[in-house]
C-alpha atoms as a PDB file:
ATOM      1  CA  MET A   1      -0.728   2.228   2.688  1.00  0.00           C
ATOM      2  CA  SER A   2       1.079   0.976   7.478  1.00  0.00           C
ATOM      3  CA  ALA A   3       2.527   0.942   9.813  1.00  0.00           C
ATOM      4  CA  ALA A   4       1.370  -2.518   9.722  1.00  0.00           C
ATOM      5  CA  CYS A   5      -0.701  -3.157  12.405  1.00  0.00           C
ATOM      6  CA  SER A   6       0.846  -6.905  14.514  1.00  0.00           C
ATOM      7  CA  LEU A   7      -2.329  -8.788  15.234  1.00  0.00           C
ATOM      8  CA  TRP A   8      -0.530 -11.652  17.600  1.00  0.00           C
ATOM      9  CA  CYS A   9      -2.690 -14.475  19.108  1.00  0.00           C
ATOM     10  CA  ALA A  10      -2.157 -18.205  20.217  1.00  0.00           C
ATOM     11  CA  SER A  11      -3.939 -19.392  16.542  1.00  0.00           C
ATOM     12  CA  CYS A  12      -1.322 -17.209  14.685  1.00  0.00           C
ATOM     13  CA  ALA A  13       1.511 -19.099  15.694  1.00  0.00           C
ATOM     14  CA  ARG A  14      -0.049 -22.008  15.561  1.00  0.00           C
ATOM     15  CA  ARG A  15      -1.061 -21.296  11.634  1.00  0.00           C
ATOM     16  CA  ARG A  16       2.675 -20.034  11.043  1.00  0.00           C
ATOM     17  CA  ALA A  17       3.839 -23.344  11.679  1.00  0.00           C
ATOM     18  CA  ARG A  18       1.545 -24.975   9.101  1.00  0.00           C
ATOM     19  CA  GLY A  19       2.593 -22.196   6.868  1.00  0.00           C
ATOM     20  CA  ARG A  20      -0.465 -19.604   6.800  1.00  0.00           C
ATOM     21  CA  SER A  21      -1.393 -16.309   7.572  1.00  0.00           C
ATOM     22  CA  SER A  22      -4.384 -15.582  10.241  1.00  0.00           C
ATOM     23  CA  PRO A  23      -7.323 -13.830   9.358  1.00  0.00           C
ATOM     24  CA  ARG A  24      -6.138 -10.857  11.635  1.00  0.00           C
ATOM     25  CA  GLU A  25      -2.878 -10.938   9.809  1.00  0.00           C
ATOM     26  CA  LYS A  26      -4.598 -10.990   6.353  1.00  0.00           C
ATOM     27  CA  ALA A  27      -6.739  -8.119   7.514  1.00  0.00           C
ATOM     28  CA  GLY A  28      -3.836  -5.709   8.876  1.00  0.00           C
ATOM     29  CA  ALA A  29      -1.862  -6.580   5.426  1.00  0.00           C
ATOM     30  CA  ARG A  30      -5.076  -5.676   3.179  1.00  0.00           C
ATOM     31  CA  SER A  31      -6.622  -3.269   5.109  1.00  0.00           C
ATOM     32  CA  THR A  32      -4.367  -0.862   6.523  1.00  0.00           C
ATOM     33  CA  PRO A  33      -1.516   0.135   3.696  1.00  0.00           C
ATOM     34  CA  ALA A  34      -0.297   2.912   5.276  1.00  0.00           C
ATOM     35  CA  ALA A  35      -0.372   2.407   8.926  1.00  0.00           C
ATOM     36  CA  PRO A  36       1.455  -2.646   7.717  1.00  0.00           C
ATOM     37  CA  SER A  37      -1.904  -0.522   4.099  1.00  0.00           C
ATOM     38  CA  PRO A  38      -5.882   2.020  -1.941  1.00  0.00           C
ATOM     39  CA  ALA A  39      -6.252   5.016  -2.756  1.00  0.00           C
ATOM     40  CA  PRO A  40      -5.450   5.935  -6.672  1.00  0.00           C
ATOM     41  CA  PRO A  41      -1.971   5.036  -7.454  1.00  0.00           C
ATOM     42  CA  ALA A  42       0.253   8.186  -6.654  1.00  0.00           C
ATOM     43  CA  GLY A  43       0.396   8.492 -10.346  1.00  0.00           C
ATOM     44  CA  PRO A  44       0.699  11.820 -12.990  1.00  0.00           C
ATOM     45  CA  SER A  45      -2.347  13.614 -12.984  1.00  0.00           C
ATOM     46  CA  ARG A  46      -4.814  14.053 -16.012  1.00  0.00           C
ATOM     47  CA  ALA A  47      -6.287  17.158 -14.913  1.00  0.00           C
ATOM     48  CA  ALA A  48      -6.971  18.124 -18.924  1.00  0.00           C
ATOM     49  CA  ARG A  49      -8.977  15.094 -19.339  1.00  0.00           C
ATOM     50  CA  PRO A  50     -12.704  14.881 -18.023  1.00  0.00           C
ATOM     51  CA  LYS A  51     -13.022  11.901 -15.157  1.00  0.00           C
ATOM     52  CA  THR A  52     -15.776  10.092 -14.218  1.00  0.00           C
ATOM     53  CA  GLU A  53     -17.085   9.250 -11.360  1.00  0.00           C
ATOM     54  CA  ARG A  54     -16.875   5.480 -10.861  1.00  0.00           C
ATOM     55  CA  GLY A  55     -18.269   3.012  -7.782  1.00  0.00           C
ATOM     56  CA  GLY A  56     -18.906   6.360  -4.945  1.00  0.00           C
ATOM     57  CA  THR A  57     -20.313   5.607  -1.784  1.00  0.00           C
ATOM     58  CA  ALA A  58     -23.889   4.836  -3.281  1.00  0.00           C
ATOM     59  CA  ALA A  59     -22.335   1.203  -3.529  1.00  0.00           C
ATOM     60  CA  LEU A  60     -20.704   0.642  -0.514  1.00  0.00           C
ATOM     61  CA  PRO A  61     -24.142  -0.058   1.915  1.00  0.00           C
ATOM     62  CA  ALA A  62     -24.606  -2.987  -0.304  1.00  0.00           C
ATOM     63  CA  ARG A  63     -20.806  -4.081  -0.519  1.00  0.00           C
ATOM     64  CA  LEU A  64     -20.628  -3.792   3.037  1.00  0.00           C
ATOM     65  CA  LEU A  65     -24.010  -5.769   3.614  1.00  0.00           C
ATOM     66  CA  LEU A  66     -23.128  -8.832   2.002  1.00  0.00           C
ATOM     67  CA  ILE A  67     -19.625  -9.027   3.216  1.00  0.00           C
ATOM     68  CA  VAL A  68     -20.464  -8.689   6.799  1.00  0.00           C
ATOM     69  CA  CYS A  69     -23.504 -10.886   6.603  1.00  0.00           C
ATOM     70  CA  ALA A  70     -21.166 -13.787   5.083  1.00  0.00           C
ATOM     71  CA  LEU A  71     -19.366 -12.913   8.178  1.00  0.00           C
ATOM     72  CA  GLY A  72     -22.097 -13.147  10.904  1.00  0.00           C
ATOM     73  CA  ALA A  73     -22.902 -16.494   9.103  1.00  0.00           C
ATOM     74  CA  PRO A  74     -22.881 -19.504  11.331  1.00  0.00           C
ATOM     75  CA  ALA A  75     -18.972 -20.875  10.637  1.00  0.00           C
ATOM     76  CA  ALA A  76     -17.592 -24.400  10.768  1.00  0.00           C
ATOM     77  CA  ALA A  77     -15.184 -25.420  13.149  1.00  0.00           C
ATOM     78  CA  ARG A  78     -12.597 -25.803  10.431  1.00  0.00           C
ATOM     79  CA  ALA A  79     -13.157 -21.356  10.076  1.00  0.00           C
ATOM     80  CA  GLU A  80     -11.395 -18.593  11.739  1.00  0.00           C
ATOM     81  CA  VAL A  81     -13.326 -14.757  12.430  1.00  0.00           C
ATOM     82  CA  ALA A  82     -10.988 -11.878  13.380  1.00  0.00           C
ATOM     83  CA  ALA A  83     -11.939  -7.950  14.128  1.00  0.00           C
ATOM     84  CA  SER A  84      -9.367  -5.349  14.550  1.00  0.00           C
ATOM     85  CA  ALA A  85      -9.721  -1.765  15.446  1.00  0.00           C
ATOM     86  CA  SER A  86      -7.102   1.348  14.901  1.00  0.00           C
ATOM     87  CA  LEU A  87      -6.591   4.815  15.457  1.00  0.00           C
ATOM     88  CA  ALA A  88      -3.920   6.621  12.808  1.00  0.00           C
ATOM     89  CA  SER A  89      -2.885   9.947  12.522  1.00  0.00           C
ATOM     90  CA  ASP A  90      -3.048  10.271   8.886  1.00  0.00           C
ATOM     91  CA  ASP A  91      -3.938   7.194   6.021  1.00  0.00           C
ATOM     92  CA  ARG A  92      -1.123   7.127   3.464  1.00  0.00           C
ATOM     93  CA  PHE A  93      -1.721   4.466   0.523  1.00  0.00           C
ATOM     94  CA  ARG A  94       1.707   3.925  -1.569  1.00  0.00           C
ATOM     95  CA  GLY A  95       3.595   6.944   0.125  1.00  0.00           C
ATOM     96  CA  VAL A  96       0.389   9.278  -0.537  1.00  0.00           C
ATOM     97  CA  SER A  97      -1.843  10.747   2.467  1.00  0.00           C
ATOM     98  CA  THR A  98      -5.577  10.094   1.206  1.00  0.00           C
ATOM     99  CA  SER A  99      -7.071  11.655   3.919  1.00  0.00           C
ATOM    100  CA  ARG A 100      -4.649  14.957   4.047  1.00  0.00           C
ATOM    101  CA  SER A 101      -2.417  14.108   6.829  1.00  0.00           C
ATOM    102  CA  ARG A 102      -5.814  13.925   9.098  1.00  0.00           C
ATOM    103  CA  PRO A 103      -6.180  11.408  11.762  1.00  0.00           C
ATOM    104  CA  VAL A 104      -8.425   8.558  11.159  1.00  0.00           C
ATOM    105  CA  ALA A 105     -10.546   5.999  12.516  1.00  0.00           C
ATOM    106  CA  GLY A 106     -11.040   2.364  11.256  1.00  0.00           C
ATOM    107  CA  LEU A 107     -12.657  -1.020  11.677  1.00  0.00           C
ATOM    108  CA  THR A 108     -11.739  -3.990   9.884  1.00  0.00           C
ATOM    109  CA  LEU A 109     -13.647  -7.985   9.887  1.00  0.00           C
ATOM    110  CA  ALA A 110     -11.796 -10.922   8.693  1.00  0.00           C
ATOM    111  CA  TYR A 111     -12.874 -14.204   7.597  1.00  0.00           C
ATOM    112  CA  ASP A 112      -9.932 -17.134   7.010  1.00  0.00           C
ATOM    113  CA  ASP A 113     -11.346 -20.230   5.955  1.00  0.00           C
ATOM    114  CA  LYS A 114      -8.709 -23.467   6.416  1.00  0.00           C
ATOM    115  CA  SER A 115      -8.968 -24.887   2.766  1.00  0.00           C
ATOM    116  CA  GLY A 116      -7.642 -21.545   1.985  1.00  0.00           C
ATOM    117  CA  PHE A 117     -10.000 -18.737   0.868  1.00  0.00           C
ATOM    118  CA  TYR A 118      -9.808 -15.781   2.620  1.00  0.00           C
ATOM    119  CA  LEU A 119     -12.181 -11.972   2.482  1.00  0.00           C
ATOM    120  CA  GLY A 120     -12.560  -8.974   4.607  1.00  0.00           C
ATOM    121  CA  VAL A 121     -14.320  -5.607   4.947  1.00  0.00           C
ATOM    122  CA  SER A 122     -12.915  -2.703   6.395  1.00  0.00           C
ATOM    123  CA  GLY A 123     -14.034   1.214   7.087  1.00  0.00           C
ATOM    124  CA  THR A 124     -12.220   4.417   7.984  1.00  0.00           C
ATOM    125  CA  LEU A 125     -13.499   7.616   9.132  1.00  0.00           C
ATOM    126  CA  VAL A 126     -11.145  11.011   8.759  1.00  0.00           C
ATOM    127  CA  LEU A 127     -11.512  14.266  11.016  1.00  0.00           C
ATOM    128  CA  THR A 128     -11.757  16.559   8.573  1.00  0.00           C
ATOM    129  CA  ARG A 129     -10.624  19.978   8.997  1.00  0.00           C
ATOM    130  CA  ASP A 130     -13.967  21.779   8.568  1.00  0.00           C
ATOM    131  CA  ASP A 131     -16.751  19.363   8.361  1.00  0.00           C
ATOM    132  CA  GLY A 132     -16.036  17.044  11.302  1.00  0.00           C
ATOM    133  CA  ILE A 133     -16.329  12.961  10.628  1.00  0.00           C
ATOM    134  CA  ARG A 134     -16.595  12.030   7.472  1.00  0.00           C
ATOM    135  CA  PRO A 135     -16.092   8.679   6.022  1.00  0.00           C
ATOM    136  CA  LEU A 136     -13.262   8.196   4.225  1.00  0.00           C
ATOM    137  CA  ARG A 137     -12.993   4.722   2.103  1.00  0.00           C
ATOM    138  CA  SER A 138     -14.163   0.956   2.487  1.00  0.00           C
ATOM    139  CA  VAL A 139     -11.908  -2.057   1.654  1.00  0.00           C
ATOM    140  CA  GLN A 140     -13.412  -5.034   0.220  1.00  0.00           C
ATOM    141  CA  TYR A 141     -10.597  -8.250  -0.669  1.00  0.00           C
ATOM    142  CA  ALA A 142     -11.421 -11.970  -1.071  1.00  0.00           C
ATOM    143  CA  GLY A 143      -8.402 -14.082  -2.298  1.00  0.00           C
ATOM    144  CA  TYR A 144      -7.527 -18.162  -1.776  1.00  0.00           C
ATOM    145  CA  ALA A 145      -4.107 -19.129  -0.805  1.00  0.00           C
ATOM    146  CA  ARG A 146      -2.008 -22.613  -1.475  1.00  0.00           C
ATOM    147  CA  ARG A 147       0.863 -23.757   0.617  1.00  0.00           C
ATOM    148  CA  VAL A 148       3.395 -24.900  -2.027  1.00  0.00           C
ATOM    149  CA  ALA A 149       6.516 -25.736   0.789  1.00  0.00           C
ATOM    150  CA  SER A 150       7.209 -25.515   4.026  1.00  0.00           C
ATOM    151  CA  GLY A 151       6.389 -22.198   5.127  1.00  0.00           C
ATOM    152  CA  LEU A 152       5.969 -20.717   1.565  1.00  0.00           C
ATOM    153  CA  GLN A 153       2.211 -19.724  -0.174  1.00  0.00           C
ATOM    154  CA  VAL A 154       0.921 -18.763  -3.258  1.00  0.00           C
ATOM    155  CA  ASP A 155      -1.610 -16.285  -2.760  1.00  0.00           C
ATOM    156  CA  ALA A 156      -3.594 -14.481  -5.607  1.00  0.00           C
ATOM    157  CA  GLY A 157      -6.986 -12.191  -5.073  1.00  0.00           C
ATOM    158  CA  VAL A 158      -9.311  -9.190  -5.769  1.00  0.00           C
ATOM    159  CA  THR A 159      -9.112  -6.093  -3.799  1.00  0.00           C
ATOM    160  CA  ASN A 160     -11.497  -3.031  -4.391  1.00  0.00           C
ATOM    161  CA  ARG A 161     -11.367   0.188  -2.259  1.00  0.00           C
ATOM    162  CA  ILE A 162     -14.208   2.600  -2.619  1.00  0.00           C
ATOM    163  CA  TYR A 163     -13.871   6.166  -1.263  1.00  0.00           C
ATOM    164  CA  GLY A 164     -16.491   8.586   0.342  1.00  0.00           C
ATOM    165  CA  SER A 165     -16.541  12.170   0.715  1.00  0.00           C
ATOM    166  CA  GLY A 166     -13.439  12.742   3.250  1.00  0.00           C
ATOM    167  CA  TYR A 167     -11.599  11.547   0.768  1.00  0.00           C
ATOM    168  CA  ALA A 168      -7.868  14.016  -0.848  1.00  0.00           C
ATOM    169  CA  GLY A 169      -8.257  12.367  -4.597  1.00  0.00           C
ATOM    170  CA  GLY A 170     -10.293  12.720  -7.301  1.00  0.00           C
ATOM    171  CA  TYR A 171     -12.136   9.625  -8.128  1.00  0.00           C
ATOM    172  CA  GLY A 172     -14.208   7.245  -5.660  1.00  0.00           C
ATOM    173  CA  ARG A 173     -12.959   3.452  -6.546  1.00  0.00           C
ATOM    174  CA  LEU A 174      -9.744   1.402  -7.416  1.00  0.00           C
ATOM    175  CA  THR A 175      -9.982  -2.138  -7.874  1.00  0.00           C
ATOM    176  CA  GLU A 176      -6.996  -4.080  -8.625  1.00  0.00           C
ATOM    177  CA  ALA A 177      -6.514  -8.257  -8.924  1.00  0.00           C
ATOM    178  CA  TYR A 178      -3.159  -9.648  -6.627  1.00  0.00           C
ATOM    179  CA  VAL A 179      -0.600 -12.444  -7.333  1.00  0.00           C
ATOM    180  CA  GLY A 180       2.337 -13.427  -4.897  1.00  0.00           C
ATOM    181  CA  LEU A 181       4.093 -15.107  -2.701  1.00  0.00           C
ATOM    182  CA  VAL A 182       4.144 -15.243   1.175  1.00  0.00           C
ATOM    183  CA  GLY A 183       6.707 -16.726   3.356  1.00  0.00           C
ATOM    184  CA  ARG A 184       7.101 -16.403   7.171  1.00  0.00           C
ATOM    185  CA  ARG A 185       8.783 -13.132   7.199  1.00  0.00           C
ATOM    186  CA  VAL A 186       8.790 -11.846   3.623  1.00  0.00           C
ATOM    187  CA  SER A 187       5.822 -11.113   1.133  1.00  0.00           C
ATOM    188  CA  ALA A 188       5.842  -9.971  -2.606  1.00  0.00           C
ATOM    189  CA  HIS A 189       3.318  -8.963  -4.603  1.00  0.00           C
ATOM    190  CA  LEU A 190       1.923  -7.704  -8.033  1.00  0.00           C
ATOM    191  CA  PHE A 191      -1.018  -5.672  -8.408  1.00  0.00           C
ATOM    192  CA  TYR A 192      -3.102  -4.687 -12.092  1.00  0.00           C
ATOM    193  CA  SER A 193      -5.631  -2.269 -12.652  1.00  0.00           C
ATOM    194  CA  PRO A 194      -7.171  -1.991 -16.181  1.00  0.00           C
ATOM    195  CA  ASP A 195      -8.453   1.213 -14.986  1.00  0.00           C
ATOM    196  CA  GLY A 196      -6.042   2.603 -12.019  1.00  0.00           C
ATOM    197  CA  ASP A 197      -5.710   6.129 -12.540  1.00  0.00           C
ATOM    198  CA  GLY A 198      -9.150   6.861 -12.898  1.00  0.00           C
ATOM    199  CA  TYR A 199      -9.389   8.182 -16.865  1.00  0.00           C
ATOM    200  CA  GLY A 200      -9.074   4.009 -18.277  1.00  0.00           C
ATOM    201  CA  GLY A 201      -5.261   3.648 -18.069  1.00  0.00           C
ATOM    202  CA  ASP A 202      -3.845   0.403 -16.503  1.00  0.00           C
ATOM    203  CA  THR A 203      -0.597   0.463 -14.022  1.00  0.00           C
ATOM    204  CA  LEU A 204       0.960  -2.010 -12.783  1.00  0.00           C
ATOM    205  CA  TYR A 205       1.929  -2.393  -9.211  1.00  0.00           C
ATOM    206  CA  GLY A 206       5.146  -4.186  -7.048  1.00  0.00           C
ATOM    207  CA  ASP A 207       5.783  -4.717  -3.585  1.00  0.00           C
ATOM    208  CA  ALA A 208       7.838  -6.167  -0.749  1.00  0.00           C
ATOM    209  CA  ASN A 209       7.292  -6.418   2.982  1.00  0.00           C
ATOM    210  CA  ALA A 210       9.535  -8.121   5.295  1.00  0.00           C
ATOM    211  CA  LEU A 211       9.494  -8.332   9.332  1.00  0.00           C
ATOM    212  CA  LEU A 212      13.011  -7.437   9.904  1.00  0.00           C
ATOM    213  CA  VAL A 213      13.382  -7.642  13.239  1.00  0.00           C
ATOM    214  CA  ALA A 214      11.127  -9.466  15.955  1.00  0.00           C
ATOM    215  CA  ARG A 215      12.499  -8.890  19.797  1.00  0.00           C
ATOM    216  CA  GLY A 216       9.760 -10.057  22.186  1.00  0.00           C
ATOM    217  CA  ALA A 217       7.181  -6.979  22.283  1.00  0.00           C
ATOM    218  CA  TRP A 218       8.878  -4.953  19.884  1.00  0.00           C
ATOM    219  CA  SER A 219       9.456  -5.655  16.084  1.00  0.00           C
ATOM    220  CA  LEU A 220      10.756  -3.885  12.971  1.00  0.00           C
ATOM    221  CA  SER A 221       8.803  -4.471   9.760  1.00  0.00           C
ATOM    222  CA  GLY A 222       9.891  -2.538   6.215  1.00  0.00           C
ATOM    223  CA  HIS A 223       8.016  -2.242   2.905  1.00  0.00           C
ATOM    224  CA  VAL A 224       9.059  -1.088  -0.657  1.00  0.00           C
ATOM    225  CA  GLY A 225       7.185  -0.527  -3.835  1.00  0.00           C
ATOM    226  CA  LEU A 226       6.997   0.322  -6.910  1.00  0.00           C
ATOM    227  CA  LEU A 227       3.763   1.846  -8.919  1.00  0.00           C
ATOM    228  CA  ALA A 228       4.340   2.156 -13.254  1.00  0.00           C
ATOM    229  CA  ALA A 229       1.926   4.340 -14.740  1.00  0.00           C
ATOM    230  CA  ALA A 230       0.659   6.496 -17.758  1.00  0.00           C
ATOM    231  CA  ASP A 231       1.725  10.493 -17.424  1.00  0.00           C
ATOM    232  CA  ASP A 232      -0.281  12.923 -19.895  1.00  0.00           C
ATOM    233  CA  ALA A 233       1.856  12.186 -22.803  1.00  0.00           C
ATOM    234  CA  GLY A 234       0.833   8.271 -22.612  1.00  0.00           C
ATOM    235  CA  ALA A 235       4.710   7.241 -21.323  1.00  0.00           C
ATOM    236  CA  HIS A 236       5.010   5.046 -18.468  1.00  0.00           C
ATOM    237  CA  ARG A 237       6.225   7.117 -15.523  1.00  0.00           C
ATOM    238  CA  LEU A 238       7.781   4.644 -12.061  1.00  0.00           C
ATOM    239  CA  VAL A 239       6.829   6.254  -8.519  1.00  0.00           C
ATOM    240  CA  ALA A 240       8.520   4.336  -5.861  1.00  0.00           C
ATOM    241  CA  ASP A 241       7.086   4.294  -2.258  1.00  0.00           C
ATOM    242  CA  GLY A 242       8.506   3.061   1.581  1.00  0.00           C
ATOM    243  CA  ARG A 243       7.776   2.267   4.952  1.00  0.00           C
ATOM    244  CA  LEU A 244       9.561   1.486   7.496  1.00  0.00           C
ATOM    245  CA  ALA A 245       7.642   0.824  11.347  1.00  0.00           C
ATOM    246  CA  VAL A 246       8.632   0.223  14.814  1.00  0.00           C
ATOM    247  CA  THR A 247       6.222  -1.420  16.242  1.00  0.00           C
ATOM    248  CA  ARG A 248       5.320  -2.294  20.568  1.00  0.00           C
ATOM    249  CA  ARG A 249       2.767  -5.235  21.384  1.00  0.00           C
ATOM    250  CA  PHE A 250       0.749  -4.706  24.316  1.00  0.00           C
ATOM    251  CA  GLY A 251      -1.261  -7.634  24.686  1.00  0.00           C
ATOM    252  CA  ARG A 252      -3.794  -7.865  21.671  1.00  0.00           C
ATOM    253  CA  ALA A 253      -3.016  -4.462  21.165  1.00  0.00           C
ATOM    254  CA  SER A 254       0.179  -2.981  19.661  1.00  0.00           C
ATOM    255  CA  LEU A 255       1.699   1.142  19.342  1.00  0.00           C
ATOM    256  CA  SER A 256       3.376   1.453  16.141  1.00  0.00           C
ATOM    257  CA  LEU A 257       5.905   5.020  14.864  1.00  0.00           C
ATOM    258  CA  THR A 258       6.219   4.437  10.853  1.00  0.00           C
ATOM    259  CA  TRP A 259       8.279   6.584   8.097  1.00  0.00           C
ATOM    260  CA  VAL A 260       6.463   6.319   5.538  1.00  0.00           C
ATOM    261  CA  GLY A 261       7.735   8.489   2.289  1.00  0.00           C
ATOM    262  CA  ALA A 262       7.749   8.273  -2.144  1.00  0.00           C
ATOM    263  CA  THR A 263       9.020   9.783  -4.999  1.00  0.00           C
ATOM    264  CA  PRO A 264       7.403  12.564  -6.610  1.00  0.00           C
ATOM    265  CA  ALA A 265       4.213  11.557  -8.737  1.00  0.00           C
ATOM    266  CA  ARG A 266       5.189  14.594 -11.760  1.00  0.00           C
ATOM    267  CA  LYS A 267       7.952  16.562 -12.953  1.00  0.00           C
ATOM    268  CA  ASP A 268       6.669  19.752 -10.816  1.00  0.00           C
ATOM    269  CA  GLU A 269       6.234  17.667  -7.205  1.00  0.00           C
ATOM    270  CA  GLY A 270       8.838  17.116  -4.521  1.00  0.00           C
ATOM    271  CA  ALA A 271       9.587  13.926  -2.560  1.00  0.00           C
ATOM    272  CA  ARG A 272       6.667  13.004  -0.004  1.00  0.00           C
ATOM    273  CA  GLY A 273       7.633  11.777   3.622  1.00  0.00           C
ATOM    274  CA  THR A 274       6.121  11.663   6.782  1.00  0.00           C
ATOM    275  CA  ILE A 275       6.084  10.376  10.385  1.00  0.00           C
ATOM    276  CA  LEU A 276       2.974   8.720  11.352  1.00  0.00           C
ATOM    277  CA  LEU A 277       1.543   7.519  14.898  1.00  0.00           C
ATOM    278  CA  SER A 278      -1.114   4.528  15.144  1.00  0.00           C
ATOM    279  CA  VAL A 279      -2.386   2.239  17.687  1.00  0.00           C
ATOM    280  CA  SER A 280      -4.740  -0.860  17.308  1.00  0.00           C
ATOM    281  CA  ARG A 281      -6.401  -3.281  18.857  1.00  0.00           C
ATOM    282  CA  ALA A 282      -7.233  -6.845  18.117  1.00  0.00           C
ATOM    283  CA  PHE A 283     -10.557  -8.268  19.106  1.00  0.00           C
END
């Protein structure tokens, strides 16, 4: 999904000068899709076909333990570790709510090595309407970024999302491989999953993100994305999504107001759009 939480520090400026992103920036970009930010893609449902639950919450503790242990290991001077916490009025991924338009709270940990290797993990809770606070999702990612020109990096990796009992969708996991280019103000990626719809159908998603305006503590960022997924008849259908966020920084904290929208995933649906409010704090 969002919108994107801008996490700023002195080391960020130094790393930008070297053409690299900080772990805080990676954490915001990969784990907060809707509030810049996967649930299942906003693709057509296949209710007529039986679905198989894959990698539910039972797999979550082990994954979290492995990654958190890696983050907590003694770090050399050439590595950076960052953390952030966030609150948002909704959790959106590729334009679609994963929390039934309910408020969410999240925590992200990120590790970034100067060699180009990075990884991170996040956990999100949702305040449900009837069952109180429930686990919504965990996101784990790992990748490698290499500078190929001044201010430009090639970026590749894998992201895995596990959804819990508070999730609004119909299955519990999405794993994607991605590759892309990252600049100082613009980035673009392609994401591929061999089981992106939960029924064994592959999906391909492309997106572009940009910092459109930066004036002191204020910024304006944008996102556009396009998903290709098979419909019930086996033909591929395109679903587009977009995001526009105004962010105000207050030291290590930030406040964002974001418009998020998506085209219909099925013929019987209308266009989807909403306004989100989110606040984040970097540590």
